[in-house]
Each structure stands twice: as structure tokens, then as C-alpha cells.
N, C-alpha and C. Protein backbone atom coordinates (compact mmCIF):
# COMPACT_ATOMS: atom_id res chain seq x y z
N MET A 1 75.05 81.97 96.04
CA MET A 1 75.88 82.45 95.97
C MET A 1 75.40 84.21 96.06
N LYS A 2 76.10 84.90 96.74
CA LYS A 2 75.73 86.36 96.83
C LYS A 2 75.91 86.82 95.49
N THR A 3 74.99 87.74 94.92
CA THR A 3 75.20 88.81 93.78
C THR A 3 75.33 89.97 94.48
N LEU A 4 76.44 90.72 93.56
CA LEU A 4 76.48 92.34 93.73
C LEU A 4 76.40 93.36 92.41
N THR A 5 75.63 94.14 92.66
CA THR A 5 75.78 94.99 91.39
C THR A 5 76.76 95.84 90.77
N PRO A 6 77.14 96.20 89.90
CA PRO A 6 78.47 96.79 89.14
C PRO A 6 78.17 98.04 90.05
N LYS A 7 77.25 98.76 90.81
CA LYS A 7 77.17 100.03 91.10
C LYS A 7 77.85 99.77 92.81
N GLN A 8 77.20 98.34 93.44
CA GLN A 8 77.58 98.60 94.72
C GLN A 8 79.43 97.95 94.48
N LEU A 9 79.69 97.44 93.73
CA LEU A 9 80.99 97.08 93.56
C LEU A 9 81.86 98.19 93.53
N PHE A 10 81.31 99.20 92.37
CA PHE A 10 82.23 100.53 92.34
C PHE A 10 82.23 101.33 93.47
N ILE A 11 81.31 101.48 94.33
CA ILE A 11 81.11 101.98 95.65
C ILE A 11 81.90 101.47 96.84
N GLY A 12 82.15 100.30 96.77
CA GLY A 12 82.71 99.42 97.80
C GLY A 12 84.22 99.51 97.42
N PHE A 13 84.61 99.51 96.03
CA PHE A 13 86.20 99.38 95.86
C PHE A 13 86.49 100.94 95.77
N SER A 14 85.39 102.17 95.65
CA SER A 14 86.12 103.38 95.99
C SER A 14 86.22 103.63 97.25
N LYS A 15 85.55 102.97 98.17
CA LYS A 15 86.10 103.46 99.85
C LYS A 15 87.23 102.60 99.97
N ILE A 16 87.60 101.34 99.38
CA ILE A 16 88.96 100.65 99.49
C ILE A 16 89.89 101.67 99.09
N GLY A 17 89.86 101.96 97.83
CA GLY A 17 90.89 102.88 97.17
C GLY A 17 91.14 104.05 97.68
N MET A 18 90.23 104.82 98.42
CA MET A 18 90.24 106.43 99.07
C MET A 18 90.81 105.81 100.78
N SER A 19 90.47 104.48 101.39
CA SER A 19 91.04 104.57 102.54
C SER A 19 92.45 104.18 102.64
N GLY A 20 92.99 103.72 102.05
CA GLY A 20 94.54 103.31 101.91
C GLY A 20 95.36 104.03 100.93
N PHE A 21 96.35 104.84 101.47
CA PHE A 21 97.41 105.31 100.45
C PHE A 21 98.50 104.75 100.47
N GLY A 22 99.22 104.02 99.50
CA GLY A 22 100.39 103.12 99.56
C GLY A 22 100.18 101.71 99.44
N GLY A 23 99.18 101.53 100.10
CA GLY A 23 98.61 100.01 99.94
C GLY A 23 97.24 99.89 100.77
N VAL A 24 96.48 99.43 99.87
CA VAL A 24 95.19 99.26 100.36
C VAL A 24 94.70 97.77 100.52
N LEU A 25 95.68 97.08 100.55
CA LEU A 25 95.57 95.77 100.90
C LEU A 25 94.63 95.64 102.40
N PRO A 26 95.27 96.03 103.07
CA PRO A 26 94.78 96.09 104.75
C PRO A 26 93.17 96.36 104.46
N TRP A 27 93.06 97.47 103.60
CA TRP A 27 91.68 98.02 104.07
C TRP A 27 90.68 97.21 103.08
N ALA A 28 91.38 96.83 102.08
CA ALA A 28 90.49 95.78 101.36
C ALA A 28 90.04 94.28 102.14
N ARG A 29 91.03 93.70 102.64
CA ARG A 29 90.42 92.77 103.55
C ARG A 29 89.52 92.98 104.52
N ARG A 30 89.59 94.32 105.29
CA ARG A 30 88.70 94.67 106.14
C ARG A 30 87.19 94.58 105.25
N THR A 31 87.23 95.53 104.55
CA THR A 31 86.05 95.92 103.76
C THR A 31 85.58 94.58 103.24
N ILE A 32 86.08 93.97 102.51
CA ILE A 32 85.46 92.51 101.65
C ILE A 32 85.28 91.42 102.64
N VAL A 33 86.35 91.27 103.72
CA VAL A 33 85.75 90.06 104.56
C VAL A 33 85.29 90.43 105.94
N GLU A 34 85.40 91.59 106.48
CA GLU A 34 84.79 92.02 107.92
C GLU A 34 83.80 92.77 108.06
N GLN A 35 83.65 93.98 106.99
CA GLN A 35 82.49 94.75 106.96
C GLN A 35 81.41 94.07 105.88
N GLU A 36 81.99 94.09 104.76
CA GLU A 36 80.67 93.76 103.58
C GLU A 36 80.47 92.14 103.79
N LYS A 37 81.11 91.22 103.98
CA LYS A 37 81.45 89.68 104.39
C LYS A 37 80.94 89.24 102.71
N TRP A 38 81.76 90.04 102.13
CA TRP A 38 81.30 89.25 100.41
C TRP A 38 82.22 87.95 100.54
N LEU A 39 83.30 87.65 101.10
CA LEU A 39 84.02 86.71 100.74
C LEU A 39 84.49 86.39 102.47
N THR A 40 84.37 85.31 102.64
CA THR A 40 85.03 84.35 103.79
C THR A 40 86.42 84.92 103.99
N SER A 41 87.38 84.57 105.06
CA SER A 41 88.56 84.86 105.28
C SER A 41 89.48 83.91 104.28
N GLU A 42 88.88 82.68 104.36
CA GLU A 42 89.64 81.56 103.42
C GLU A 42 89.76 82.01 102.00
N GLU A 43 88.04 82.40 101.59
CA GLU A 43 88.00 82.60 100.20
C GLU A 43 89.14 83.89 99.75
N PHE A 44 89.23 84.86 100.53
CA PHE A 44 89.67 86.24 100.31
C PHE A 44 91.32 85.61 100.26
N SER A 45 91.95 84.98 101.23
CA SER A 45 93.11 84.52 100.81
C SER A 45 93.60 83.60 99.67
N ALA A 46 92.54 82.60 99.37
CA ALA A 46 92.84 81.96 98.18
C ALA A 46 92.74 82.80 96.82
N MET A 47 91.76 83.65 97.19
CA MET A 47 91.86 84.28 95.95
C MET A 47 92.99 85.51 95.70
N LEU A 48 93.40 85.96 96.64
CA LEU A 48 94.40 87.32 96.69
C LEU A 48 95.80 86.19 96.23
N GLY A 49 96.00 85.00 96.86
CA GLY A 49 96.90 83.92 96.72
C GLY A 49 96.98 83.97 95.03
N ILE A 50 96.13 83.66 94.36
CA ILE A 50 96.00 83.72 92.88
C ILE A 50 96.19 84.60 92.17
N CYS A 51 95.88 86.04 92.80
CA CYS A 51 96.44 87.51 92.31
C CYS A 51 97.69 87.73 92.22
N GLN A 52 98.88 87.14 93.52
CA GLN A 52 99.89 87.49 93.61
C GLN A 52 100.75 86.78 92.61
N ILE A 53 100.36 85.62 92.06
CA ILE A 53 101.41 85.10 91.16
C ILE A 53 100.96 85.61 89.57
N VAL A 54 100.00 86.25 89.27
CA VAL A 54 99.84 86.46 88.11
C VAL A 54 100.19 88.24 87.78
N PRO A 55 100.50 88.37 86.18
CA PRO A 55 101.17 89.89 86.35
C PRO A 55 99.98 91.07 86.73
N GLY A 56 100.76 92.06 87.21
CA GLY A 56 100.09 93.15 87.81
C GLY A 56 99.64 93.57 88.85
N PRO A 57 99.22 94.80 89.26
CA PRO A 57 99.29 94.84 90.68
C PRO A 57 98.03 93.94 91.44
N ASN A 58 98.83 93.43 92.87
CA ASN A 58 97.58 92.54 93.27
C ASN A 58 96.40 93.00 93.71
N ILE A 59 96.33 94.19 94.08
CA ILE A 59 95.06 94.75 94.37
C ILE A 59 94.00 95.05 93.34
N VAL A 60 94.77 95.27 91.88
CA VAL A 60 93.74 95.47 90.80
C VAL A 60 93.28 94.15 90.34
N ASN A 61 94.16 93.50 90.41
CA ASN A 61 93.69 91.74 90.06
C ASN A 61 92.76 91.22 91.03
N LEU A 62 93.00 91.27 92.22
CA LEU A 62 91.73 91.17 93.50
C LEU A 62 90.46 91.95 92.86
N ALA A 63 90.58 93.12 92.62
CA ALA A 63 89.31 93.75 92.13
C ALA A 63 88.92 93.26 91.11
N VAL A 64 89.57 92.54 89.93
CA VAL A 64 89.01 92.14 88.56
C VAL A 64 88.52 90.96 89.56
N CYS A 65 89.13 90.04 89.85
CA CYS A 65 88.44 88.69 90.74
C CYS A 65 87.37 88.98 91.27
N VAL A 66 87.36 89.66 92.26
CA VAL A 66 85.99 90.07 93.13
C VAL A 66 84.88 90.55 92.15
N GLY A 67 85.14 91.66 91.30
CA GLY A 67 84.07 91.98 90.56
C GLY A 67 83.50 91.05 89.81
N SER A 68 84.22 90.12 89.15
CA SER A 68 83.81 89.37 87.97
C SER A 68 83.22 88.19 88.71
N ARG A 69 83.63 87.88 89.91
CA ARG A 69 82.76 86.88 90.35
C ARG A 69 81.21 86.96 91.04
N PHE A 70 81.08 88.48 91.21
CA PHE A 70 79.86 88.85 91.73
C PHE A 70 78.77 89.34 90.40
N ALA A 71 79.66 89.97 89.40
CA ALA A 71 79.06 90.85 88.50
C ALA A 71 79.12 90.72 86.97
N GLY A 72 80.31 89.57 86.98
CA GLY A 72 80.84 89.33 85.76
C GLY A 72 81.79 90.38 85.30
N VAL A 73 81.73 90.67 83.65
CA VAL A 73 82.64 91.96 83.22
C VAL A 73 82.42 93.28 83.72
N SER A 74 81.10 93.39 83.53
CA SER A 74 80.85 94.83 84.18
C SER A 74 81.36 94.93 85.76
N GLY A 75 81.10 94.00 86.46
CA GLY A 75 81.56 94.11 87.83
C GLY A 75 82.95 94.31 88.09
N ALA A 76 83.97 93.44 87.33
CA ALA A 76 85.03 93.69 87.04
C ALA A 76 85.51 95.10 86.82
N LEU A 77 84.94 95.55 85.41
CA LEU A 77 85.42 97.20 85.39
C LEU A 77 84.91 98.00 86.57
N ALA A 78 83.74 97.76 87.16
CA ALA A 78 83.38 98.92 88.01
C ALA A 78 84.11 98.66 89.24
N ALA A 79 84.81 97.31 89.76
CA ALA A 79 85.38 97.34 90.77
C ALA A 79 87.04 98.24 90.58
N VAL A 80 87.34 97.82 89.24
CA VAL A 80 88.80 98.61 89.05
C VAL A 80 88.74 100.34 88.87
N LEU A 81 87.48 100.19 88.57
CA LEU A 81 87.27 101.79 88.17
C LEU A 81 87.08 102.47 89.67
N GLY A 82 86.35 101.83 90.22
CA GLY A 82 86.19 102.08 91.77
C GLY A 82 87.41 102.47 92.48
N LEU A 83 88.56 101.53 92.61
CA LEU A 83 89.79 101.30 92.93
C LEU A 83 90.54 102.32 92.66
N THR A 84 90.53 102.70 91.16
CA THR A 84 91.47 103.79 90.77
C THR A 84 90.97 104.99 90.56
N LEU A 85 89.98 105.30 90.22
CA LEU A 85 89.77 106.51 89.70
C LEU A 85 89.97 107.57 91.06
N GLY A 86 89.16 107.67 92.30
CA GLY A 86 89.66 108.56 93.08
C GLY A 86 91.17 108.96 93.60
N PRO A 87 91.89 107.48 93.85
CA PRO A 87 93.34 107.67 93.91
C PRO A 87 93.94 108.49 92.89
N VAL A 88 93.73 108.14 92.10
CA VAL A 88 94.35 108.76 90.47
C VAL A 88 94.38 110.48 90.68
N ALA A 89 93.19 110.73 90.94
CA ALA A 89 92.86 112.24 91.06
C ALA A 89 93.84 112.80 91.92
N LEU A 90 93.67 112.05 93.43
CA LEU A 90 94.06 112.45 94.57
C LEU A 90 95.94 112.32 94.61
N VAL A 91 96.23 111.52 93.85
CA VAL A 91 97.93 111.21 93.44
C VAL A 91 98.33 112.68 92.62
N ILE A 92 97.54 113.01 91.86
CA ILE A 92 97.77 113.95 90.43
C ILE A 92 97.66 115.22 91.50
N LEU A 93 96.70 115.55 92.48
CA LEU A 93 96.80 116.71 93.40
C LEU A 93 97.74 116.67 94.20
N LEU A 94 98.54 115.67 95.13
CA LEU A 94 99.28 115.46 95.63
C LEU A 94 100.83 115.82 95.14
N GLY A 95 100.84 115.53 93.93
CA GLY A 95 101.97 115.33 93.18
C GLY A 95 102.19 117.25 92.78
N MET A 96 101.24 117.58 92.63
CA MET A 96 101.30 119.04 92.57
C MET A 96 101.67 120.03 93.90
N LEU A 97 101.28 119.48 94.88
CA LEU A 97 101.52 120.22 96.24
C LEU A 97 102.81 119.80 96.56
N TYR A 98 103.12 118.68 96.44
CA TYR A 98 104.55 118.35 96.73
C TYR A 98 105.70 118.97 95.84
N GLU A 99 105.38 119.08 94.44
CA GLU A 99 106.39 119.89 93.47
C GLU A 99 106.54 121.17 94.21
N HIS A 100 105.64 122.13 94.86
CA HIS A 100 105.65 123.34 95.67
C HIS A 100 106.32 123.06 97.02
N TYR A 101 105.87 121.90 97.47
CA TYR A 101 106.23 122.17 99.44
C TYR A 101 107.23 121.18 99.44
N SER A 102 107.79 120.41 98.80
CA SER A 102 108.61 119.26 99.38
C SER A 102 110.17 119.37 99.86
N TYR A 103 110.43 120.75 99.57
CA TYR A 103 111.47 121.43 100.71
C TYR A 103 111.50 121.64 101.83
N MET A 104 110.27 121.41 102.56
CA MET A 104 110.27 121.60 103.72
C MET A 104 110.34 120.52 104.73
N PRO A 105 111.15 120.62 105.91
CA PRO A 105 111.30 119.81 106.53
C PRO A 105 110.17 119.02 107.63
N MET A 106 108.75 119.59 107.73
CA MET A 106 107.99 119.12 108.11
C MET A 106 107.17 118.13 107.02
N VAL A 107 107.02 118.52 105.92
CA VAL A 107 106.63 117.60 104.71
C VAL A 107 107.17 116.29 104.72
N GLN A 108 108.78 116.51 104.72
CA GLN A 108 109.46 115.51 104.55
C GLN A 108 109.25 114.17 105.74
N GLY A 109 109.06 115.14 107.11
CA GLY A 109 109.14 114.09 107.90
C GLY A 109 107.58 113.46 107.93
N MET A 110 106.71 113.91 107.48
CA MET A 110 105.32 113.59 107.23
C MET A 110 105.20 112.23 106.48
N LEU A 111 106.05 112.56 105.33
CA LEU A 111 106.08 111.41 104.50
C LEU A 111 106.91 110.23 105.29
N ARG A 112 107.81 110.41 105.87
CA ARG A 112 108.46 109.14 107.02
C ARG A 112 107.55 108.59 107.65
N GLY A 113 106.35 109.36 108.19
CA GLY A 113 105.67 109.01 109.21
C GLY A 113 104.46 107.96 108.76
N ILE A 114 104.26 108.68 107.45
CA ILE A 114 103.20 107.63 106.43
C ILE A 114 103.60 106.32 106.00
N SER A 115 104.89 106.34 105.52
CA SER A 115 105.56 104.98 105.21
C SER A 115 105.40 103.85 106.71
N ALA A 116 105.56 104.50 107.71
CA ALA A 116 105.74 103.77 108.98
C ALA A 116 104.33 103.22 109.12
N VAL A 117 103.41 103.83 109.01
CA VAL A 117 102.12 103.42 109.15
C VAL A 117 101.77 102.29 107.96
N GLY A 118 102.26 102.47 106.70
CA GLY A 118 101.98 101.61 105.68
C GLY A 118 102.39 100.35 106.14
N VAL A 119 103.64 100.39 106.73
CA VAL A 119 104.32 98.71 107.02
C VAL A 119 103.56 98.25 108.11
N GLY A 120 103.11 99.07 109.34
CA GLY A 120 102.58 98.64 109.97
C GLY A 120 100.93 97.94 109.42
N LEU A 121 100.44 98.56 108.82
CA LEU A 121 99.38 98.02 108.30
C LEU A 121 98.96 96.84 107.40
N ILE A 122 100.37 96.73 106.75
CA ILE A 122 100.76 95.47 105.84
C ILE A 122 100.91 94.36 106.79
N ALA A 123 101.83 94.56 107.95
CA ALA A 123 102.19 93.24 108.32
C ALA A 123 100.83 93.18 109.53
N SER A 124 100.04 93.82 109.68
CA SER A 124 98.73 93.50 110.62
C SER A 124 97.88 92.86 109.64
N THR A 125 97.73 93.10 108.25
CA THR A 125 96.84 92.10 107.27
C THR A 125 97.76 90.96 107.23
N GLY A 126 98.69 90.71 106.94
CA GLY A 126 99.78 89.68 107.03
C GLY A 126 99.20 88.60 108.45
N PHE A 127 99.15 89.12 109.36
CA PHE A 127 98.92 88.55 110.52
C PHE A 127 97.39 87.79 110.72
N LYS A 128 96.35 88.68 110.36
CA LYS A 128 95.17 88.41 110.45
C LYS A 128 94.99 87.21 109.23
N MET A 129 95.67 87.34 108.03
CA MET A 129 95.64 85.99 107.14
C MET A 129 96.26 84.65 107.53
N MET A 130 97.30 85.12 108.33
CA MET A 130 98.03 83.88 109.03
C MET A 130 97.53 83.18 109.92
N CYS A 131 96.64 84.12 110.92
CA CYS A 131 95.59 83.23 111.89
C CYS A 131 94.75 82.43 111.38
N SER A 132 94.29 82.75 110.39
CA SER A 132 93.01 81.84 109.44
C SER A 132 93.65 80.83 109.27
N GLU A 133 94.68 80.63 109.12
CA GLU A 133 95.51 79.63 108.61
C GLU A 133 95.99 78.48 109.94
N LEU A 134 96.20 79.32 110.92
CA LEU A 134 96.33 78.41 111.94
C LEU A 134 95.23 77.56 112.55
N ASN A 135 94.07 77.24 111.90
CA ASN A 135 93.02 76.80 112.11
C ASN A 135 93.45 75.16 111.56
N TYR A 136 94.37 75.01 110.65
CA TYR A 136 95.15 74.01 110.17
C TYR A 136 96.59 73.90 110.49
N PRO A 137 97.02 73.39 111.58
CA PRO A 137 98.28 73.67 111.94
C PRO A 137 99.24 73.15 110.99
N PRO A 138 99.10 72.09 110.04
CA PRO A 138 100.05 71.69 109.28
C PRO A 138 100.58 72.40 108.00
N MET A 139 99.77 73.88 108.05
CA MET A 139 100.14 75.01 107.32
C MET A 139 100.96 75.90 107.56
N LEU A 140 101.31 75.55 108.81
CA LEU A 140 102.49 76.33 109.31
C LEU A 140 103.59 76.02 108.71
N ILE A 141 103.99 74.51 108.27
CA ILE A 141 104.85 74.44 107.40
C ILE A 141 105.13 75.12 106.33
N VAL A 142 104.03 75.20 105.53
CA VAL A 142 104.01 75.86 104.58
C VAL A 142 104.28 77.81 104.78
N ILE A 143 103.94 78.27 105.85
CA ILE A 143 104.08 79.48 106.30
C ILE A 143 105.97 79.62 106.62
N LEU A 144 106.48 78.54 107.24
CA LEU A 144 107.74 78.66 107.88
C LEU A 144 108.70 78.27 106.69
N PHE A 145 107.94 77.79 105.48
CA PHE A 145 109.13 77.38 104.22
C PHE A 145 109.04 78.49 103.41
N THR A 146 108.01 79.29 103.33
CA THR A 146 107.97 80.33 102.28
C THR A 146 108.72 81.48 103.14
N VAL A 147 108.67 81.81 104.53
CA VAL A 147 109.56 82.79 104.99
C VAL A 147 110.86 82.66 104.93
N LEU A 148 111.10 81.54 105.10
CA LEU A 148 112.70 81.10 104.78
C LEU A 148 113.23 80.80 103.65
N ALA A 149 112.50 80.62 102.55
CA ALA A 149 112.69 80.58 101.45
C ALA A 149 112.88 82.24 100.86
N ALA A 150 112.20 82.78 101.51
CA ALA A 150 112.31 84.48 101.08
C ALA A 150 113.30 85.33 101.32
N SER A 151 113.47 85.10 102.97
CA SER A 151 113.96 86.02 103.78
C SER A 151 115.64 85.27 103.90
N TYR A 152 115.48 84.17 104.32
CA TYR A 152 117.20 83.61 104.69
C TYR A 152 117.64 83.29 102.97
N PHE A 153 116.92 82.50 102.44
CA PHE A 153 117.81 82.17 101.34
C PHE A 153 117.42 83.12 100.22
N GLN A 154 116.58 84.02 100.33
CA GLN A 154 116.58 85.42 99.31
C GLN A 154 116.07 84.93 97.95
N LEU A 155 115.26 83.77 98.05
CA LEU A 155 114.74 83.57 96.76
C LEU A 155 113.53 84.54 96.23
N GLY A 156 113.53 84.71 94.71
CA GLY A 156 112.39 85.67 94.37
C GLY A 156 110.95 85.21 94.70
N LEU A 157 110.02 85.70 94.22
CA LEU A 157 108.95 85.38 93.98
C LEU A 157 108.25 84.16 93.59
N GLY A 158 108.96 84.17 92.25
CA GLY A 158 108.64 83.10 91.37
C GLY A 158 108.93 81.76 91.82
N TRP A 159 110.29 81.93 92.13
CA TRP A 159 110.86 80.27 93.10
C TRP A 159 110.23 79.90 94.17
N VAL A 160 110.03 81.13 94.94
CA VAL A 160 109.01 80.68 96.11
C VAL A 160 107.85 79.80 95.97
N VAL A 161 107.08 80.29 94.89
CA VAL A 161 105.46 79.94 94.61
C VAL A 161 106.07 78.69 93.95
N LEU A 162 106.55 78.68 92.98
CA LEU A 162 107.36 77.35 92.60
C LEU A 162 107.49 76.31 93.53
N LEU A 163 108.46 76.56 94.44
CA LEU A 163 108.80 75.68 95.47
C LEU A 163 107.52 75.36 96.52
N ALA A 164 106.94 76.27 96.94
CA ALA A 164 106.19 76.17 97.90
C ALA A 164 104.60 75.54 97.72
N SER A 165 104.29 75.78 96.44
CA SER A 165 102.99 75.61 95.80
C SER A 165 102.78 74.03 96.12
N PRO A 166 103.56 73.06 95.64
CA PRO A 166 103.00 72.02 95.86
C PRO A 166 102.45 71.38 97.15
N LEU A 167 103.15 71.87 98.15
CA LEU A 167 103.19 71.62 99.46
C LEU A 167 101.70 72.28 99.68
N ALA A 168 101.60 73.36 99.44
CA ALA A 168 100.37 74.11 99.79
C ALA A 168 99.32 73.51 99.19
N PHE A 169 99.31 73.21 98.17
CA PHE A 169 98.14 72.62 96.93
C PHE A 169 98.01 71.22 97.87
N PHE A 170 98.94 70.24 98.58
CA PHE A 170 98.67 68.91 99.05
C PHE A 170 97.98 69.31 100.21
N LEU A 171 98.45 70.52 101.04
CA LEU A 171 97.61 70.43 102.43
C LEU A 171 96.45 71.21 102.16
N ALA A 172 96.14 72.19 101.26
CA ALA A 172 94.98 72.83 101.07
C ALA A 172 94.05 71.69 100.99
N ARG A 173 94.40 70.75 100.07
CA ARG A 173 93.57 69.73 99.69
C ARG A 173 93.02 68.84 100.78
N LYS A 174 93.89 68.30 101.63
CA LYS A 174 93.77 67.94 103.01
C LYS A 174 92.61 68.57 103.99
N LYS A 175 93.16 69.93 104.05
CA LYS A 175 92.23 70.42 104.77
C LYS A 175 90.83 70.85 104.23
N ALA A 176 90.59 70.92 103.06
CA ALA A 176 89.13 70.55 102.80
C ALA A 176 88.83 69.54 102.74
N ASN A 177 89.38 68.33 102.71
CA ASN A 177 88.72 67.30 102.81
C ASN A 177 88.20 66.63 104.25
N ARG A 178 88.61 67.60 105.43
CA ARG A 178 88.46 67.36 106.61
C ARG A 178 87.22 67.53 106.76
């Protein structure tokens, strides 16, 4: 198994934290899976799935999981600090600027544009993660069930996870035994 130092984790997660504003998951996947190759696409998806069902922000949970996997407690701490220190300082600065300039139509338009970009990035990441599951077509049943449960039946996250998990676990086990 690959090992990383807390310093490497801090730097990697600092890049992630400063790359995305309002949603760093697309940048996290790109950095962790595609650029640094710390995890495979399947490992990332599995780890993120776990991080989504435990309390707390998904990306912070992911930083803890990745950091602890490669460097134990110090790695988890380094990853979380790397992820959060820069953005916290930036948000404080932007909050001060917003307080002075929020009335301007140009600033309001910029914020609407930024939110549209965030939606596109999150959709892109979801599509990339779904594509890795298409290698095993029965997983489409889980994807379809999840989309229907959340959108059509408007079930909350807890119910969707509770109902979809048994089927997902069963199919994941079959996929792993292939």
C-alpha cells in the first residue's frame, strides 16, 4: 500500500480546498483519483459512500478517511487542516468584501454565475462516478432505485440509504467476486 506523509497530505488537501469554492468534491476526485492516483475510482467511490452516511461534511469526512488511511491520526489531522485553513481565511476576507460591495448589481450577477458553475461541477463529478459503476451493469439498478427514491418519492437521505444499501451491498459483493 502506498504511504504518504502528513506534509504531502496537507499540501494535497490544501490544493483541493483552494481549488473549489462552494463544492470541492469535483476537485477532490480529480486530485485524489486522476492526478495523484492515491486511490482508484472504485476506492474513492466506496470511501465517499461511507463518508456520506456519517455525520458531518462529506469532504471533511473524506479528508479524515484518506489522511488516516495513508498516515494515521497525524495524516487525518494534516488533511483536514490543509482542506480548511486556506478556505476559512478566504471566506473571512470575502465576507468583509461582501459587506461593503453586496449592493452592486455586478457583484450579485457574479454570485449567480458562480452558483451555476458549482452545479455543473457537482453534476460532472456525479457522472464520472456513475461511469465507473457502468462496468458492472447490475449496479444500474441501484442507481435507478436511488434516483427514483430521492427525486420521485422524495425520500430523505437516511431512508434512501437504508433502502438501497442491502441491494448495493449484495451487488458490490457479486462484483468483487467476479
